[in-house]
Amino acid sequence: MPFFPDMKNDGITPAFSLEEVEGAAFEYFSTSGFPYHNLMKHVCMQQINELRKMSGSALLHSPIAMRVADTYHPHRFHAVVFGAKGLPVDVIRDEKKLTRAIRLRLKYFGKIGSEYFSELGLVSGIQTCSNFRPAFALDIYRKYGKLGGTVLDTCFGFGGRLVGFIASDCRRYIGFDPSTKSYESNLRMSKDLAKDKEVLLRCLPIEDADLSEFEESSDVAFTSPPYFCKEVYSEEDTQSCYRYKMSRDWCNGFLVPMMRFQFSSLKPGCYALVNIADVKIKNKLYPLVRWTIKAGEMVGFTYEGNIPYALSRRFGSGKKGGNVVSVEPVLKFRKDGSNPTR
């Protein structure tokens, strides 16, 4: 059975077969190198405008403006996922893997462009560190934030939540992260795109931050912390997986202090939302969700359940080879006290 389906459509035969398209695509990507996202500033502005116009359930699944964050964070494609058989940037240099990625793209979507396509990060055991969807972040800020209010992000990462903030009606963003590259990238992005907003970034592990400096300063806290040692974002020794190699030490040294900082920084009655999921490393399951809930309750939060965050659709992962969508929880914590004016 041929890999590609019959291309005839209503009796019209295409000028070029999928095999010919595949060959031309292979030549392009193998010659041009890895297709990092590189949107012009005016394109980033337009995508943020489009994001800002969206509302309701459309925000929960839309990928709009993700490429804005990736434009400033090309190093995302070099971050290491534990157990992966390589990085997306490696695929371009491997004839078999590149061919496989192009074929899968054509098989499932029928066409391929000149930019990055997700199969480069999915083929042959390759894995990519994910970024957070700005549209989902915008929905969180609208539901739990405050008009003209302050957002706290204790692990700002690759900038997806920052893009969501830029599109929101919140006025101030406070972010922490120990990665120098992510700090410099988000600083550049905020200078280019955060018009009439205040963005305060610290290149600092959250457990090293001064609690007293930001006490009761924020209207909503929203973050997605490292999943213990499942992903390594840089080789700097300030990364939590290098500082705390044992899971117990990671919980006590990083997770609990992070939740304590969020509790201290929030105004009474406000919410902290944390996207995290259980991970399996070397066949051992680490219950990060349960640990995070426990840490939140230890520092004074009331846990109020979770919001489902649907991840990207993956090909060939269903029992019949179809596409399935995996879901991670966004844990919802409330700092008890009088409700702030919204």
Protein backbone atom coordinates (compact mmCIF):
# COMPACT_ATOMS: atom_id res chain seq x y z
CA MET A 1 0.00 0.00 0.00
CA PRO A 2 1.49 3.39 -0.98
CA PHE A 3 2.39 5.83 1.77
CA PHE A 4 0.57 8.68 0.03
CA PRO A 5 -3.14 8.49 -0.86
CA ASP A 6 -4.52 8.96 -4.38
CA MET A 7 -4.27 12.66 -5.19
CA LYS A 8 -7.04 12.74 -7.80
CA ASN A 9 -9.83 15.12 -6.90
CA ASP A 10 -13.01 15.29 -8.99
CA GLY A 11 -11.11 13.82 -11.93
CA ILE A 12 -8.40 16.53 -11.90
CA THR A 13 -4.86 15.22 -11.55
CA PRO A 14 -2.47 17.59 -9.72
CA ALA A 15 0.44 19.01 -11.65
CA PHE A 16 2.88 17.64 -9.04
CA SER A 17 2.61 14.39 -7.11
CA LEU A 18 3.07 14.28 -3.34
CA GLU A 19 6.32 12.39 -3.97
CA GLU A 20 7.59 15.34 -6.01
CA VAL A 21 6.45 17.80 -3.35
CA GLU A 22 8.21 15.67 -0.75
CA GLY A 23 11.46 15.75 -2.71
CA ALA A 24 11.33 19.52 -3.15
CA ALA A 25 10.51 20.03 0.55
CA PHE A 26 13.40 17.78 1.57
CA GLU A 27 15.80 19.77 -0.60
CA TYR A 28 14.55 23.05 0.86
CA PHE A 29 14.75 22.12 4.55
CA SER A 30 18.03 20.21 4.29
CA THR A 31 19.62 23.18 2.51
CA SER A 32 18.05 26.04 4.50
CA GLY A 33 18.55 24.55 7.96
CA PHE A 34 16.22 24.52 10.92
CA PRO A 35 13.15 26.73 10.30
CA TYR A 36 13.05 28.86 13.44
CA HIS A 37 10.05 31.16 13.72
CA ASN A 38 11.12 34.66 12.76
CA LEU A 39 8.11 36.95 12.56
CA MET A 40 8.63 40.60 11.76
CA LYS A 41 7.64 43.06 14.48
CA HIS A 42 4.60 44.26 12.53
CA VAL A 43 3.41 40.65 12.15
CA CYS A 44 3.78 40.10 15.91
CA MET A 45 1.71 43.23 16.51
CA GLN A 46 -1.03 42.00 14.19
CA GLN A 47 -1.16 38.57 15.83
CA ILE A 48 -1.53 40.18 19.26
CA ASN A 49 -4.33 42.34 17.86
CA GLU A 50 -6.06 39.21 16.56
CA LEU A 51 -5.57 37.51 19.93
CA ARG A 52 -7.03 40.47 21.78
CA LYS A 53 -10.20 40.34 19.64
CA MET A 54 -10.88 36.71 20.56
CA SER A 55 -13.20 35.73 23.39
CA GLY A 56 -15.05 32.85 24.99
CA SER A 57 -14.35 29.21 24.23
CA ALA A 58 -12.27 30.11 21.16
CA LEU A 59 -9.43 31.09 23.49
CA LEU A 60 -9.18 27.64 25.04
CA HIS A 61 -7.71 25.91 21.99
CA SER A 62 -6.40 28.62 19.66
CA PRO A 63 -2.67 28.55 18.81
CA ILE A 64 -2.70 32.20 17.73
CA ALA A 65 0.36 34.26 18.73
CA MET A 66 2.41 31.22 19.79
CA ARG A 67 4.85 32.06 17.04
CA VAL A 68 5.25 35.52 18.53
CA ALA A 69 6.80 33.96 21.65
CA ASP A 70 8.87 31.51 19.58
CA THR A 71 10.26 34.36 17.49
CA TYR A 72 11.95 35.67 20.62
CA HIS A 73 12.78 32.24 22.06
CA PRO A 74 14.55 30.11 19.41
CA HIS A 75 16.39 28.33 22.24
CA ARG A 76 13.16 26.49 23.07
CA PHE A 77 14.02 24.05 20.30
CA HIS A 78 17.35 23.27 21.99
CA ALA A 79 15.93 22.51 25.44
CA VAL A 80 16.29 18.88 26.53
CA VAL A 81 13.42 16.52 27.34
CA PHE A 82 14.42 13.54 29.50
CA GLY A 83 14.16 10.27 27.56
CA ALA A 84 13.89 11.91 24.15
CA LYS A 85 15.99 10.50 21.31
CA GLY A 86 17.10 13.89 20.10
CA LEU A 87 16.11 17.51 19.56
CA PRO A 88 14.01 19.00 16.75
CA VAL A 89 17.11 20.76 15.41
CA ASP A 90 18.72 17.33 14.92
CA VAL A 91 16.02 16.19 12.48
CA ILE A 92 17.14 18.59 9.76
CA ARG A 93 20.56 16.88 9.69
CA ASP A 94 19.16 13.34 9.54
CA GLU A 95 17.97 12.25 6.09
CA LYS A 96 15.66 9.48 7.34
CA LYS A 97 14.08 11.54 10.11
CA LEU A 98 13.57 14.59 7.92
CA THR A 99 11.97 12.47 5.20
CA ARG A 100 9.71 10.83 7.76
CA ALA A 101 8.66 14.19 9.22
CA ILE A 102 7.84 15.62 5.78
CA ARG A 103 5.87 12.50 4.82
CA LEU A 104 3.83 12.60 8.00
CA ARG A 105 3.04 16.26 7.44
CA LEU A 106 1.85 15.59 3.91
CA LYS A 107 -0.07 12.48 4.94
CA TYR A 108 -2.05 14.15 7.72
CA PHE A 109 -2.36 17.70 6.35
CA GLY A 110 -1.90 17.34 2.60
CA LYS A 111 0.50 20.28 2.33
CA ILE A 112 3.68 21.71 3.80
CA GLY A 113 5.01 25.26 3.98
CA SER A 114 8.43 26.81 4.43
CA GLU A 115 8.16 27.37 8.20
CA TYR A 116 8.49 25.12 11.23
CA PHE A 117 6.01 22.23 11.31
CA SER A 118 5.17 20.20 14.40
CA GLU A 119 6.25 16.82 13.01
CA LEU A 120 9.88 17.96 13.29
CA GLY A 121 9.38 17.73 17.04
CA LEU A 122 7.44 14.46 17.08
CA VAL A 123 9.12 12.03 14.71
CA SER A 124 11.27 9.06 15.78
CA GLY A 125 11.30 9.75 19.51
CA ILE A 126 12.15 13.44 19.09
CA GLN A 127 10.49 15.65 21.70
CA THR A 128 10.18 19.40 22.10
CA CYS A 129 9.79 21.42 25.27
CA SER A 130 6.38 23.00 24.96
CA ASN A 131 5.39 26.63 25.26
CA PHE A 132 2.18 27.86 26.85
CA ARG A 133 -0.58 29.01 24.52
CA PRO A 134 -1.08 32.80 24.82
CA ALA A 135 -4.80 32.49 24.09
CA PHE A 136 -5.39 30.21 27.08
CA ALA A 137 -3.33 32.57 29.25
CA LEU A 138 -5.44 35.51 28.08
CA ASP A 139 -8.58 33.62 29.08
CA ILE A 140 -7.12 33.07 32.57
CA TYR A 141 -6.24 36.77 32.97
CA ARG A 142 -9.72 37.84 31.91
CA LYS A 143 -11.44 35.42 34.28
CA TYR A 144 -9.21 35.74 37.34
CA GLY A 145 -7.29 38.97 36.86
CA LYS A 146 -8.35 42.57 37.27
CA LEU A 147 -8.76 45.46 34.84
CA GLY A 148 -5.50 47.40 35.12
CA GLY A 149 -4.24 44.84 37.64
CA THR A 150 -0.99 42.99 38.25
CA VAL A 151 -0.03 39.51 37.02
CA LEU A 152 2.60 37.37 38.78
CA ASP A 153 4.45 34.61 36.91
CA THR A 154 6.99 32.80 39.10
CA CYS A 155 8.47 30.81 36.15
CA PHE A 156 8.02 32.91 33.01
CA GLY A 157 9.77 30.42 30.69
CA PHE A 158 9.43 30.82 26.92
CA GLY A 159 7.06 33.79 27.02
CA GLY A 160 3.67 32.31 26.09
CA ARG A 161 1.95 33.70 29.19
CA LEU A 162 3.70 37.04 28.72
CA VAL A 163 2.21 37.32 25.21
CA GLY A 164 -1.21 36.59 26.72
CA PHE A 165 -0.62 39.37 29.25
CA ILE A 166 0.32 41.84 26.51
CA ALA A 167 -3.04 41.15 24.85
CA SER A 168 -4.95 41.48 28.15
CA ASP A 169 -6.34 44.45 30.06
CA CYS A 170 -3.94 43.85 32.95
CA ARG A 171 -1.41 46.62 33.44
CA ARG A 172 1.61 45.13 35.24
CA TYR A 173 3.50 41.84 34.85
CA ILE A 174 6.00 40.55 37.42
CA GLY A 175 8.05 37.57 36.28
CA PHE A 176 10.88 35.40 37.58
CA ASP A 177 13.01 32.74 35.89
CA PRO A 178 16.64 31.60 36.31
CA SER A 179 17.29 31.10 32.57
CA THR A 180 19.46 33.91 31.21
CA LYS A 181 18.34 33.29 27.61
CA SER A 182 14.65 33.32 28.51
CA TYR A 183 15.13 36.46 30.60
CA GLU A 184 16.89 38.30 27.77
CA SER A 185 14.32 37.08 25.23
CA ASN A 186 11.32 38.16 27.30
CA LEU A 187 12.99 41.48 28.06
CA ARG A 188 13.40 42.07 24.32
CA MET A 189 9.83 41.01 23.59
CA SER A 190 8.37 43.25 26.29
CA LYS A 191 10.33 46.26 25.02
CA ASP A 192 9.09 45.63 21.49
CA LEU A 193 5.46 44.76 22.19
CA ALA A 194 4.29 45.61 25.72
CA LYS A 195 2.95 49.04 24.80
CA ASP A 196 1.78 51.17 27.76
CA LYS A 197 2.35 48.29 30.18
CA GLU A 198 4.83 47.73 32.97
CA VAL A 199 6.87 44.53 32.76
CA LEU A 200 9.23 43.74 35.65
CA LEU A 201 11.45 40.72 34.99
CA ARG A 202 14.01 39.16 37.30
CA CYS A 203 16.59 36.59 36.15
CA LEU A 204 16.36 34.79 39.46
CA PRO A 205 15.16 31.44 40.87
CA ILE A 206 11.89 32.15 42.64
CA GLU A 207 13.17 30.54 45.84
CA ASP A 208 15.85 33.26 46.00
CA ALA A 209 13.39 36.15 45.62
CA ASP A 210 12.61 38.52 48.48
CA LEU A 211 9.08 37.84 49.73
CA SER A 212 8.76 41.22 51.42
CA GLU A 213 9.36 43.18 48.21
CA PHE A 214 6.15 41.98 46.54
CA GLU A 215 3.83 41.31 49.48
CA GLU A 216 0.13 41.56 48.46
CA SER A 217 1.05 43.24 45.17
CA SER A 218 -0.62 40.93 42.64
CA ASP A 219 -4.20 40.32 41.50
CA VAL A 220 -3.58 36.92 39.90
CA ALA A 221 -0.67 34.46 39.81
CA PHE A 222 -0.33 32.14 36.83
CA THR A 223 2.62 29.91 36.00
CA SER A 224 3.80 26.58 34.66
CA PRO A 225 6.86 25.50 36.69
CA PRO A 226 9.48 22.90 35.71
CA TYR A 227 8.22 19.31 35.88
CA PHE A 228 11.02 18.27 38.26
CA CYS A 229 13.81 17.01 35.93
CA LYS A 230 11.62 16.02 32.98
CA GLU A 231 12.74 19.06 30.99
CA VAL A 232 16.03 20.97 31.21
CA TYR A 233 15.76 24.54 29.93
CA SER A 234 19.39 25.58 30.23
CA GLU A 235 22.72 24.31 31.53
CA GLU A 236 22.93 26.99 34.23
CA ASP A 237 23.30 25.67 37.76
CA THR A 238 20.39 27.86 38.90
CA GLN A 239 17.94 25.46 37.23
CA SER A 240 15.85 23.70 39.89
CA CYS A 241 16.68 20.23 38.52
CA TYR A 242 20.40 20.90 39.08
CA ARG A 243 19.95 22.53 42.47
CA TYR A 244 17.67 19.80 43.81
CA LYS A 245 18.48 16.41 42.32
CA MET A 246 16.25 14.42 44.69
CA SER A 247 12.50 14.83 44.45
CA ARG A 248 12.12 15.50 48.18
CA ASP A 249 14.73 18.27 48.00
CA TRP A 250 13.03 19.69 44.88
CA CYS A 251 9.70 19.89 46.71
CA ASN A 252 11.18 21.48 49.82
CA GLY A 253 13.69 23.71 48.04
CA PHE A 254 11.68 24.83 45.02
CA LEU A 255 8.00 23.85 44.94
CA VAL A 256 7.00 24.94 48.46
CA PRO A 257 8.94 28.26 48.26
CA MET A 258 7.32 28.96 44.87
CA MET A 259 3.83 28.46 46.29
CA ARG A 260 4.73 30.50 49.38
CA PHE A 261 5.90 33.39 47.19
CA GLN A 262 2.63 33.30 45.24
CA PHE A 263 0.59 33.26 48.46
CA SER A 264 2.53 36.16 49.95
CA SER A 265 2.37 38.21 46.73
CA LEU A 266 -1.37 37.84 46.13
CA LYS A 267 -3.98 40.15 47.57
CA PRO A 268 -6.63 38.45 49.75
CA GLY A 269 -9.39 36.78 47.78
CA CYS A 270 -7.25 36.37 44.64
CA TYR A 271 -6.25 33.23 42.75
CA ALA A 272 -3.07 31.36 41.91
CA LEU A 273 -3.23 29.03 38.91
CA VAL A 274 -0.52 26.45 38.30
CA ASN A 275 -0.19 24.29 35.19
CA ILE A 276 1.64 21.10 36.12
CA ALA A 277 1.26 17.37 35.46
CA ASP A 278 2.55 14.06 36.77
CA VAL A 279 5.62 12.75 34.94
CA LYS A 280 7.27 9.39 34.51
CA ILE A 281 11.08 9.31 34.59
CA LYS A 282 12.96 6.01 34.29
CA ASN A 283 9.67 4.15 34.78
CA LYS A 284 9.03 5.95 38.07
CA LEU A 285 5.93 8.11 38.39
CA TYR A 286 6.36 11.46 40.13
CA PRO A 287 2.96 12.76 41.37
CA LEU A 288 3.66 16.44 40.79
CA VAL A 289 -0.02 17.35 40.86
CA ARG A 290 -0.52 15.91 44.35
CA TRP A 291 2.74 17.47 45.56
CA THR A 292 1.72 20.90 44.24
CA ILE A 293 -1.70 20.73 45.88
CA LYS A 294 -0.05 19.75 49.16
CA ALA A 295 2.49 22.56 48.86
CA GLY A 296 -0.25 25.08 48.14
CA GLU A 297 -2.30 24.02 51.15
CA MET A 298 0.81 24.03 53.37
CA VAL A 299 1.43 27.73 52.69
CA GLY A 300 -2.19 28.74 53.26
CA PHE A 301 -4.05 28.36 49.95
CA THR A 302 -7.45 26.74 49.57
CA TYR A 303 -7.44 24.31 46.64
CA GLU A 304 -10.55 24.64 44.46
CA GLY A 305 -10.02 21.98 41.78
CA ASN A 306 -8.52 22.25 38.31
CA ILE A 307 -9.16 23.64 34.86
CA PRO A 308 -8.41 21.28 31.91
CA TYR A 309 -5.71 22.54 29.55
CA ALA A 310 -5.78 20.66 26.24
CA LEU A 311 -2.35 20.15 24.72
CA SER A 312 -1.52 20.00 21.04
CA ARG A 313 -3.09 17.24 18.97
CA ARG A 314 -0.65 14.43 18.20
CA PHE A 315 -0.80 12.21 15.16
CA GLY A 316 -0.88 8.43 15.31
CA SER A 317 -1.34 8.30 19.06
CA GLY A 318 -4.81 6.80 19.13
CA LYS A 319 -5.52 3.06 19.15
CA LYS A 320 -6.54 3.24 15.50
CA GLY A 321 -3.74 5.57 14.48
CA GLY A 322 -5.88 8.67 14.76
CA ASN A 323 -5.16 11.91 16.51
CA VAL A 324 -5.82 12.38 20.21
CA VAL A 325 -5.58 15.36 22.51
CA SER A 326 -3.92 14.97 25.90
CA VAL A 327 -5.01 17.20 28.76
CA GLU A 328 -3.07 18.66 31.68
CA PRO A 329 -4.60 20.29 34.76
CA VAL A 330 -4.32 23.93 35.71
CA LEU A 331 -4.61 23.80 39.49
CA LYS A 332 -6.74 26.52 41.04
CA PHE A 333 -5.83 27.95 44.47
CA ARG A 334 -7.53 30.75 46.35
CA LYS A 335 -6.00 33.01 48.97
CA ASP A 336 -8.77 33.37 51.51
CA GLY A 337 -9.87 36.83 52.55
CA SER A 338 -12.20 39.51 51.34
CA ASN A 339 -12.77 39.62 47.60
CA PRO A 340 -10.93 42.46 45.88
CA THR A 341 -12.84 44.96 43.74
CA ARG A 342 -12.91 43.67 40.19
